Amino acid sequence: MGMAISSLWSNKLRTFLTLLGIIIGVLTIIAVISIIQGLNDYVYTKMAFFGANDFSVSKFSFFGSSLSDFREQLKRKDLRLTDMQLLRRQCKNCELIGASAATKRTVKFGSNSLKSVSIKGTTYLDHMIGNVEELESGRQILKEDEDHSRLICIIGADVVEELFPYFDPLGKRIKVGRHNFQVVGIGEKKGKLLGMSQDNYVRIPITTFLKIYGSRINITINIHTNSQEQMALAQEEVRTILRSKRHLTFEEPDDFSFQTSDQFIQLYKSATTGIYFAMIAISSLALIVGGIVVMNIMLVSVTERTTEIGVRMAVGARRSDILFQFLIESATLSTIGGLIGILLGFSLAGIISAATSMPSSVDPMSIAIAIFVSASIGIFFGLYPANKAAKLDPIDSLRSTL
C-alpha cells in the first residue's frame, strides 16, 4: 500500500491528469443526484396542492395523454356553483366543500402596477381546504363577503412588495382591472415552486369573481375529508351525485375529473424518472472514460517501471504481490478521484441551488455508492495492467536496463 501511494505521489501531474476523468464523472453524478434528490424532497412536501385527505373536482384532467383527450374534455359541461351547492347538500362524507376560479389581470395602486397577477375567486371555506392559506395579517374571506359579493381582497407577498413597498396595505384599495378592492388580508409568504412564485395573487370572494368576470365561468370544486378511507367514499359519492345530475348512462364515462396530491406527485415522477436515468447514464460515460484513462496510464506505468518490477521479483516478490501492488495503485487512484469528485459535486450542487433556488439534498447512500463505484472502476480497469506487470519475466525485466 505504501509503495503504491509513494509511486502515485512521485508523479503528481500524471496522477492528477489520470484523476481528472474520475473526478468529472463522480462530480457530475453527485451534483445530478443531489439536485434531483433535493428537488424530489421539495416537490413531495410542497407540490401537495391538496392535503392528504383532500381532492378537487374539475372539468379538465391534468393527466390527458393525447390531443384527442383534450378535445374530448373541451366538450364536457362546465362545473357551476350550483354543482357545489348540490354536493354540500347531498355528500355525507364531504366534511368541507368549497370552490375556486382564476384569471389573470394587472393590479394597480397609485403609480405602482403589477402585471399577470393571478386573480382567484374562492369561497369563504377554501382557505381551510387542501393547502391551507395562512395569513400574515388581516382576516380571511367571510361568508358575509361571499353572500353580498363584496369588493374585498387578500393579497400575496409579491403584490405587497410591488405595490406597497413602504407602508401597510391593510385597508387600502387596489385596482384590479376596472374595479377597486379593499385589502382586508395579507397572505403568508410561500416562496417559489419549481421556479414559479406562489405569492403573486389576489384572492376575492367567488361570487364577486363570477359577477365581474361572468357567471358562466367554469369553477373547480375543492373537498376536504377526515381520512383516506373517507376520501375514497367521498369520491364515489361525488361521482354518483354528479353523474346523476348530468344524466350519464352506465356506459358513458365521467365528464369531470378528480385531482389529488398523490396524482400530482405521480405525474411529477413519471415526467422526471426518464430524465433522471438519462442524466445518470450520460454522467456514467465520464466514469468509463476515466476508467480507460486509468488503464492507459497504468499500462504506461508498467512499461516505465519494468526494472523496478524485475528487482522486486529478484529479491523474492511473488507475482501476486506485483498484481496487488498495481491493483491497489489503480483503486487508490480512482478512490481519491471519487472523493474529490464528491466534494466538488456537492459544492457544484450548492452553487446551482444558490443561483437558481433549486433545492439540493445530501444523500449519504449516494456518497457510499460513489466511493464504491470509484474503487470498482479502478480495480476493473487496473486489472489488465496489473496482470501484465505480474506476468513479466524477472530476467527480461532486469535486462531492460541494459
Protein backbone atom coordinates (compact mmCIF):
# COMPACT_ATOMS: atom_id res chain seq x y z
CA MET A 1 0.00 0.00 0.00
CA GLY A 2 2.81 2.42 0.98
CA MET A 3 4.72 1.72 -2.23
CA ALA A 4 1.58 2.27 -4.28
CA ILE A 5 0.88 5.67 -2.69
CA SER A 6 4.56 6.65 -2.94
CA SER A 7 4.52 5.85 -6.64
CA LEU A 8 1.42 7.97 -7.20
CA TRP A 9 2.88 10.87 -5.20
CA SER A 10 6.14 10.84 -7.13
CA ASN A 11 4.23 11.50 -10.40
CA LYS A 12 1.86 14.28 -9.28
CA LEU A 13 0.97 15.75 -12.67
CA ARG A 14 0.31 12.37 -14.25
CA THR A 15 -1.70 11.33 -11.20
CA PHE A 16 -3.83 14.48 -11.44
CA LEU A 17 -4.48 14.04 -15.16
CA THR A 18 -5.41 10.43 -14.50
CA LEU A 19 -7.78 11.52 -11.74
CA LEU A 20 -9.46 14.11 -13.94
CA GLY A 21 -11.79 11.69 -15.73
CA ILE A 22 -12.90 10.06 -12.48
CA ILE A 23 -13.35 13.46 -10.82
CA ILE A 24 -15.54 14.77 -13.66
CA GLY A 25 -17.64 11.60 -13.73
CA VAL A 26 -18.24 11.45 -9.98
CA LEU A 27 -18.70 15.24 -9.75
CA THR A 28 -21.43 15.14 -12.40
CA ILE A 29 -23.25 12.17 -10.90
CA ILE A 30 -23.14 13.57 -7.34
CA ALA A 31 -24.33 17.01 -8.50
CA VAL A 32 -27.17 15.47 -10.52
CA ILE A 33 -28.25 13.15 -7.68
CA SER A 34 -28.07 15.98 -5.11
CA ILE A 35 -30.17 18.35 -7.20
CA ILE A 36 -32.74 15.71 -8.17
CA GLN A 37 -32.97 14.30 -4.63
CA GLY A 38 -33.42 17.79 -3.21
CA LEU A 39 -35.99 18.59 -5.87
CA ASN A 40 -37.86 15.35 -5.11
CA ASP A 41 -37.94 16.09 -1.38
CA TYR A 42 -39.13 19.62 -2.09
CA VAL A 43 -41.81 18.56 -4.54
CA TYR A 44 -43.17 15.81 -2.31
CA THR A 45 -43.68 18.32 0.51
CA LYS A 46 -44.56 21.48 -1.45
CA MET A 47 -46.30 20.17 -4.56
CA ALA A 48 -49.23 18.99 -2.46
CA PHE A 49 -51.86 21.35 -3.80
CA PHE A 50 -54.31 19.45 -1.61
CA GLY A 51 -53.92 17.88 1.80
CA ALA A 52 -53.52 14.14 2.21
CA ASN A 53 -57.29 13.75 2.63
CA ASP A 54 -58.42 16.44 0.19
CA PHE A 55 -59.27 16.39 -3.50
CA SER A 56 -60.75 18.58 -6.20
CA VAL A 57 -63.28 18.06 -8.97
CA SER A 58 -62.71 19.88 -12.26
CA LYS A 59 -63.73 19.88 -15.88
CA PHE A 60 -60.24 19.17 -17.15
CA SER A 61 -57.79 16.47 -16.19
CA PHE A 62 -54.08 17.25 -15.79
CA PHE A 63 -53.26 13.75 -16.95
CA GLY A 64 -54.55 13.66 -20.52
CA SER A 65 -52.19 11.70 -22.72
CA SER A 66 -53.14 12.98 -26.16
CA LEU A 67 -54.69 15.81 -28.16
CA SER A 68 -57.85 13.74 -28.60
CA ASP A 69 -58.19 13.54 -24.79
CA PHE A 70 -58.01 17.32 -24.57
CA ARG A 71 -60.59 17.75 -27.34
CA GLU A 72 -62.90 15.36 -25.53
CA GLN A 73 -62.50 17.34 -22.30
CA LEU A 74 -63.34 20.59 -24.08
CA LYS A 75 -66.78 19.14 -24.82
CA ARG A 76 -67.51 18.47 -21.15
CA LYS A 77 -70.04 20.57 -19.24
CA ASP A 78 -68.65 23.32 -17.04
CA LEU A 79 -68.88 22.96 -13.28
CA ARG A 80 -71.05 25.64 -11.65
CA LEU A 81 -71.72 26.95 -8.16
CA THR A 82 -74.98 25.01 -8.30
CA ASP A 83 -72.92 21.80 -8.52
CA MET A 84 -71.01 22.81 -5.39
CA GLN A 85 -74.23 23.63 -3.57
CA LEU A 86 -75.73 20.28 -4.59
CA LEU A 87 -72.69 18.45 -3.21
CA ARG A 88 -72.93 20.43 0.02
CA ARG A 89 -76.49 19.22 0.45
CA GLN A 90 -76.05 15.58 -0.58
CA CYS A 91 -72.44 14.45 0.01
CA LYS A 92 -72.42 12.88 3.50
CA ASN A 93 -68.69 12.01 3.53
CA CYS A 94 -67.57 15.50 2.46
CA GLU A 95 -66.57 17.50 5.53
CA LEU A 96 -65.90 20.83 3.79
CA ILE A 97 -66.76 21.84 0.24
CA GLY A 98 -65.53 25.00 -1.44
CA ALA A 99 -64.96 26.28 -4.95
CA SER A 100 -62.45 28.39 -6.84
CA ALA A 101 -61.85 30.01 -10.22
CA ALA A 102 -58.98 32.07 -11.56
CA THR A 103 -57.91 34.52 -14.23
CA LYS A 104 -55.01 36.97 -14.69
CA ARG A 105 -55.15 40.75 -14.56
CA THR A 106 -52.98 43.80 -13.97
CA VAL A 107 -53.20 45.14 -10.41
CA LYS A 108 -52.52 48.79 -9.56
CA PHE A 109 -52.11 51.05 -6.55
CA GLY A 110 -51.28 54.67 -7.22
CA SER A 111 -48.43 54.77 -9.73
CA ASN A 112 -47.34 51.20 -8.98
CA SER A 113 -48.62 48.25 -11.02
CA LEU A 114 -48.01 44.52 -11.36
CA LYS A 115 -48.94 42.55 -14.48
CA SER A 116 -50.18 38.96 -14.84
CA VAL A 117 -51.38 38.66 -11.26
CA SER A 118 -53.50 35.56 -10.55
CA ILE A 119 -56.97 36.71 -9.54
CA LYS A 120 -58.52 33.89 -7.52
CA GLY A 121 -62.20 33.74 -6.75
CA THR A 122 -62.72 31.50 -3.70
CA THR A 123 -65.44 30.58 -1.25
CA TYR A 124 -65.10 31.51 2.41
CA LEU A 125 -64.23 27.87 3.20
CA ASP A 126 -61.45 27.42 0.65
CA HIS A 127 -58.60 28.63 2.86
CA MET A 128 -59.23 25.59 5.11
CA ILE A 129 -59.21 23.02 2.30
CA GLY A 130 -56.05 21.40 0.99
CA ASN A 131 -53.02 23.67 1.06
CA VAL A 132 -54.21 25.86 3.93
CA GLU A 133 -53.90 29.58 3.17
CA GLU A 134 -52.40 31.20 6.26
CA LEU A 135 -52.35 34.99 6.72
CA GLU A 136 -49.52 37.28 7.74
CA SER A 137 -52.07 39.81 8.96
CA GLY A 138 -55.70 40.81 8.49
CA ARG A 139 -58.61 38.43 8.06
CA GLN A 140 -59.88 35.72 5.75
CA ILE A 141 -62.84 35.99 3.38
CA LEU A 142 -66.07 35.66 5.40
CA LYS A 143 -69.42 34.13 4.49
CA GLU A 144 -70.91 37.63 4.57
CA ASP A 145 -68.36 38.78 1.96
CA GLU A 146 -69.42 35.92 -0.29
CA ASP A 147 -73.16 36.40 0.32
CA HIS A 148 -73.00 40.11 -0.53
CA SER A 149 -70.36 39.91 -3.30
CA ARG A 150 -68.19 42.45 -1.50
CA LEU A 151 -65.24 44.14 -3.21
CA ILE A 152 -62.66 42.96 -0.69
CA CYS A 153 -59.45 41.02 -1.26
CA ILE A 154 -56.49 39.19 0.23
CA ILE A 155 -53.16 39.82 -1.47
CA GLY A 156 -49.98 37.75 -1.72
CA ALA A 157 -46.48 38.76 -0.69
CA ASP A 158 -45.42 39.63 -4.27
CA VAL A 159 -48.28 42.12 -4.60
CA VAL A 160 -47.36 43.66 -1.24
CA GLU A 161 -43.71 44.08 -2.27
CA GLU A 162 -44.53 45.65 -5.64
CA LEU A 163 -47.48 47.88 -4.73
CA PHE A 164 -46.82 48.67 -1.07
CA PRO A 165 -43.04 48.78 -0.58
CA TYR A 166 -43.12 51.40 2.20
CA PHE A 167 -46.38 51.06 4.15
CA ASP A 168 -49.10 48.71 5.40
CA PRO A 169 -51.60 47.75 2.66
CA LEU A 170 -54.43 46.77 5.07
CA GLY A 171 -57.45 48.97 4.49
CA LYS A 172 -56.09 50.40 1.24
CA ARG A 173 -57.87 50.00 -2.08
CA ILE A 174 -56.18 48.42 -5.11
CA LYS A 175 -57.43 48.43 -8.67
CA VAL A 176 -57.96 45.02 -10.27
CA GLY A 177 -58.85 45.63 -13.89
CA ARG A 178 -61.55 48.30 -13.68
CA HIS A 179 -62.68 47.55 -10.11
CA ASN A 180 -61.42 48.80 -6.76
CA PHE A 181 -60.95 46.26 -3.96
CA GLN A 182 -60.26 46.91 -0.29
CA VAL A 183 -57.34 44.89 1.11
CA VAL A 184 -58.50 43.00 4.23
CA GLY A 185 -55.76 40.37 4.49
CA ILE A 186 -52.13 39.69 3.56
CA GLY A 187 -51.14 36.11 2.70
CA GLU A 188 -48.20 34.39 4.36
CA LYS A 189 -45.18 34.25 2.05
CA LYS A 190 -44.74 30.81 0.43
CA GLY A 191 -41.88 31.38 -1.98
CA LYS A 192 -41.40 29.64 -5.32
CA LEU A 193 -42.44 26.20 -6.52
CA LEU A 194 -40.39 24.85 -9.46
CA GLY A 195 -39.30 28.40 -10.21
CA MET A 196 -42.84 29.86 -10.15
CA SER A 197 -43.97 32.27 -7.44
CA GLN A 198 -46.82 31.18 -5.18
CA ASP A 199 -47.31 34.70 -3.83
CA ASN A 200 -48.39 36.57 -6.96
CA TYR A 201 -52.15 36.56 -6.33
CA VAL A 202 -55.20 38.49 -5.27
CA ARG A 203 -57.95 36.46 -3.60
CA ILE A 204 -61.56 37.72 -3.79
CA PRO A 205 -64.99 36.19 -2.94
CA ILE A 206 -66.07 33.78 -5.66
CA THR A 207 -69.46 35.48 -6.03
CA THR A 208 -67.66 38.77 -6.71
CA PHE A 209 -65.41 36.98 -9.20
CA LEU A 210 -68.38 35.50 -11.09
CA LYS A 211 -70.25 38.81 -11.01
CA ILE A 212 -67.31 40.63 -12.61
CA TYR A 213 -65.92 38.01 -14.98
CA GLY A 214 -69.09 36.13 -15.91
CA SER A 215 -71.39 33.74 -14.05
CA ARG A 216 -70.85 31.01 -16.65
CA ILE A 217 -67.13 30.63 -15.95
CA ASN A 218 -66.05 27.09 -15.14
CA ILE A 219 -65.09 26.52 -11.49
CA THR A 220 -63.12 23.91 -9.57
CA ILE A 221 -64.78 22.26 -6.56
CA ASN A 222 -62.48 21.58 -3.61
CA ILE A 223 -63.35 18.99 -0.95
CA HIS A 224 -61.91 18.12 2.46
CA THR A 225 -62.41 14.81 4.28
CA ASN A 226 -61.08 13.48 7.59
CA SER A 227 -59.26 10.36 6.39
CA GLN A 228 -58.05 8.44 3.35
CA GLU A 229 -60.92 5.98 3.75
CA GLN A 230 -63.45 8.81 3.94
CA MET A 231 -61.87 10.47 0.90
CA ALA A 232 -62.37 7.31 -1.17
CA LEU A 233 -66.01 7.14 -0.06
CA ALA A 234 -66.47 10.86 -0.76
CA GLN A 235 -65.10 10.50 -4.29
CA GLU A 236 -67.56 7.72 -5.06
CA GLU A 237 -70.36 9.77 -3.56
CA VAL A 238 -69.41 12.87 -5.57
CA ARG A 239 -69.15 10.74 -8.71
CA THR A 240 -72.66 9.32 -8.17
CA ILE A 241 -74.20 12.74 -7.44
CA LEU A 242 -72.66 14.49 -10.44
CA ARG A 243 -73.35 11.63 -12.84
CA SER A 244 -76.98 11.58 -11.73
CA LYS A 245 -77.32 15.36 -12.15
CA ARG A 246 -75.82 15.14 -15.63
CA HIS A 247 -77.95 12.13 -16.60
CA LEU A 248 -74.99 9.98 -17.65
CA THR A 249 -75.80 6.38 -18.52
CA PHE A 250 -73.90 3.42 -17.09
CA GLU A 251 -71.81 3.05 -20.27
CA GLU A 252 -70.81 6.73 -20.50
CA PRO A 253 -67.53 7.80 -18.87
CA ASP A 254 -67.31 10.59 -16.29
CA ASP A 255 -67.31 14.07 -17.83
CA PHE A 256 -65.33 15.50 -14.91
CA SER A 257 -62.03 14.63 -13.24
CA PHE A 258 -60.64 14.19 -9.72
CA GLN A 259 -57.26 15.55 -8.64
CA THR A 260 -55.32 14.63 -5.50
CA SER A 261 -51.81 15.28 -4.16
CA ASP A 262 -50.78 11.72 -4.99
CA GLN A 263 -51.76 12.23 -8.63
CA PHE A 264 -49.64 15.36 -8.93
CA ILE A 265 -46.67 13.57 -7.37
CA GLN A 266 -47.11 10.56 -9.67
CA LEU A 267 -47.26 12.94 -12.66
CA TYR A 268 -44.03 14.55 -11.48
CA LYS A 269 -42.37 11.16 -11.02
CA SER A 270 -43.35 9.94 -14.48
CA ALA A 271 -42.11 13.19 -16.03
CA THR A 272 -38.74 13.17 -14.27
CA THR A 273 -37.80 9.50 -13.92
CA GLY A 274 -36.69 9.18 -17.55
CA ILE A 275 -34.72 12.44 -17.34
CA TYR A 276 -33.06 11.26 -14.12
CA PHE A 277 -31.82 7.97 -15.58
CA ALA A 278 -30.76 9.62 -18.84
CA MET A 279 -28.61 12.14 -16.94
CA ILE A 280 -27.07 9.39 -14.80
CA ALA A 281 -26.33 7.33 -17.93
CA ILE A 282 -24.66 10.29 -19.63
CA SER A 283 -22.67 11.05 -16.49
CA SER A 284 -21.57 7.43 -16.28
CA LEU A 285 -19.86 7.78 -19.66
CA ALA A 286 -17.39 10.17 -18.00
CA LEU A 287 -16.60 7.46 -15.43
CA ILE A 288 -15.98 4.92 -18.18
CA VAL A 289 -13.69 7.37 -19.97
CA GLY A 290 -11.93 7.98 -16.65
CA GLY A 291 -11.51 4.24 -16.21
CA ILE A 292 -9.97 3.92 -19.67
CA VAL A 293 -7.56 6.75 -18.83
CA VAL A 294 -6.60 4.92 -15.62
CA MET A 295 -5.92 1.75 -17.59
CA ASN A 296 -3.79 3.60 -20.16
CA ILE A 297 -1.76 5.40 -17.50
CA MET A 298 -1.23 2.17 -15.57
CA LEU A 299 -0.01 0.47 -18.76
CA VAL A 300 2.47 3.30 -19.25
CA SER A 301 3.48 2.94 -15.61
CA VAL A 302 4.11 -0.78 -16.07
CA THR A 303 6.37 -0.04 -19.04
CA GLU A 304 8.27 2.67 -17.15
CA ARG A 305 8.72 0.53 -14.06
CA THR A 306 9.80 -2.70 -15.73
CA THR A 307 13.18 -2.58 -13.97
CA GLU A 308 11.55 -1.96 -10.60
CA ILE A 309 9.29 -4.98 -11.15
CA GLY A 310 12.30 -7.10 -12.11
CA VAL A 311 14.24 -6.05 -9.00
CA ARG A 312 11.30 -6.78 -6.71
CA MET A 313 10.84 -10.24 -8.22
CA ALA A 314 14.60 -10.90 -7.94
CA VAL A 315 14.55 -10.21 -4.19
CA GLY A 316 11.58 -12.50 -3.57
CA ALA A 317 8.37 -10.70 -4.51
CA ARG A 318 5.70 -13.05 -5.79
CA ARG A 319 3.60 -12.45 -8.86
CA SER A 320 0.57 -11.93 -6.60
CA ASP A 321 2.48 -9.16 -4.75
CA ILE A 322 3.08 -7.33 -8.03
CA LEU A 323 -0.55 -7.85 -9.06
CA PHE A 324 -1.88 -6.45 -5.79
CA GLN A 325 0.52 -3.51 -5.83
CA PHE A 326 -0.75 -2.30 -9.20
CA LEU A 327 -4.38 -3.04 -8.31
CA ILE A 328 -4.00 -1.03 -5.10
CA GLU A 329 -2.47 1.81 -7.10
CA SER A 330 -5.34 1.93 -9.59
CA ALA A 331 -8.01 1.52 -6.87
CA THR A 332 -6.38 4.22 -4.72
CA LEU A 333 -6.12 6.50 -7.74
CA SER A 334 -9.82 6.07 -8.58
CA THR A 335 -10.96 6.38 -4.96
CA ILE A 336 -9.04 9.64 -4.49
CA GLY A 337 -10.64 10.90 -7.70
CA GLY A 338 -14.02 9.80 -6.39
CA LEU A 339 -13.57 11.65 -3.07
CA ILE A 340 -12.51 14.84 -4.86
CA GLY A 341 -15.46 14.42 -7.24
CA ILE A 342 -17.84 14.02 -4.29
CA LEU A 343 -16.64 17.24 -2.65
CA LEU A 344 -16.76 19.18 -5.92
CA GLY A 345 -20.15 17.64 -6.80
CA PHE A 346 -21.76 18.80 -3.58
CA SER A 347 -20.13 22.20 -3.99
CA LEU A 348 -21.49 22.49 -7.53
CA ALA A 349 -24.97 21.43 -6.36
CA GLY A 350 -24.80 24.09 -3.64
CA ILE A 351 -23.79 26.77 -6.15
CA ILE A 352 -26.61 25.76 -8.54
CA SER A 353 -29.10 25.82 -5.64
CA ALA A 354 -27.96 29.28 -4.57
CA ALA A 355 -28.09 30.64 -8.13
CA THR A 356 -31.41 29.10 -9.23
CA SER A 357 -33.34 28.49 -5.95
CA MET A 358 -33.47 24.81 -6.86
CA PRO A 359 -33.03 22.80 -3.63
CA SER A 360 -30.32 20.18 -3.22
CA SER A 361 -30.00 17.33 -0.72
CA VAL A 362 -27.02 15.31 0.52
CA ASP A 363 -27.82 11.61 0.39
CA PRO A 364 -25.34 9.51 2.46
CA MET A 365 -26.14 6.48 0.31
CA SER A 366 -25.02 8.33 -2.84
CA ILE A 367 -21.68 9.08 -1.15
CA ALA A 368 -21.13 5.42 -0.28
CA ILE A 369 -22.15 4.33 -3.79
CA ALA A 370 -19.83 6.92 -5.40
CA ILE A 371 -16.84 5.69 -3.36
CA PHE A 372 -17.65 2.05 -4.12
CA VAL A 373 -18.09 2.74 -7.85
CA SER A 374 -14.84 4.74 -7.97
CA ALA A 375 -12.85 1.94 -6.32
CA SER A 376 -14.54 -0.67 -8.52
CA ILE A 377 -13.63 1.23 -11.68
CA GLY A 378 -10.02 1.42 -10.52
CA ILE A 379 -9.91 -2.33 -9.85
CA PHE A 380 -11.72 -3.26 -13.07
CA PHE A 381 -9.67 -1.06 -15.39
CA GLY A 382 -6.46 -1.68 -13.44
CA LEU A 383 -6.78 -5.46 -13.64
CA TYR A 384 -5.28 -5.78 -17.14
CA PRO A 385 -2.18 -3.59 -16.45
CA ALA A 386 -1.68 -5.28 -13.05
CA ASN A 387 -1.91 -8.71 -14.62
CA LYS A 388 0.52 -7.67 -17.35
CA ALA A 389 3.00 -6.46 -14.69
CA ALA A 390 2.68 -9.71 -12.71
CA LYS A 391 3.41 -11.82 -15.80
CA LEU A 392 6.66 -10.04 -16.67
CA ASP A 393 9.74 -12.27 -16.69
CA PRO A 394 12.16 -11.03 -13.99
CA ILE A 395 15.27 -11.70 -16.12
CA ASP A 396 13.84 -9.84 -19.14
CA SER A 397 12.81 -7.03 -16.80
CA LEU A 398 16.32 -6.68 -15.39
CA ARG A 399 17.83 -6.74 -18.88
CA SER A 400 15.64 -3.77 -19.88
CA THR A 401 18.06 -1.51 -18.00
CA LEU A 402 20.89 -2.51 -20.29
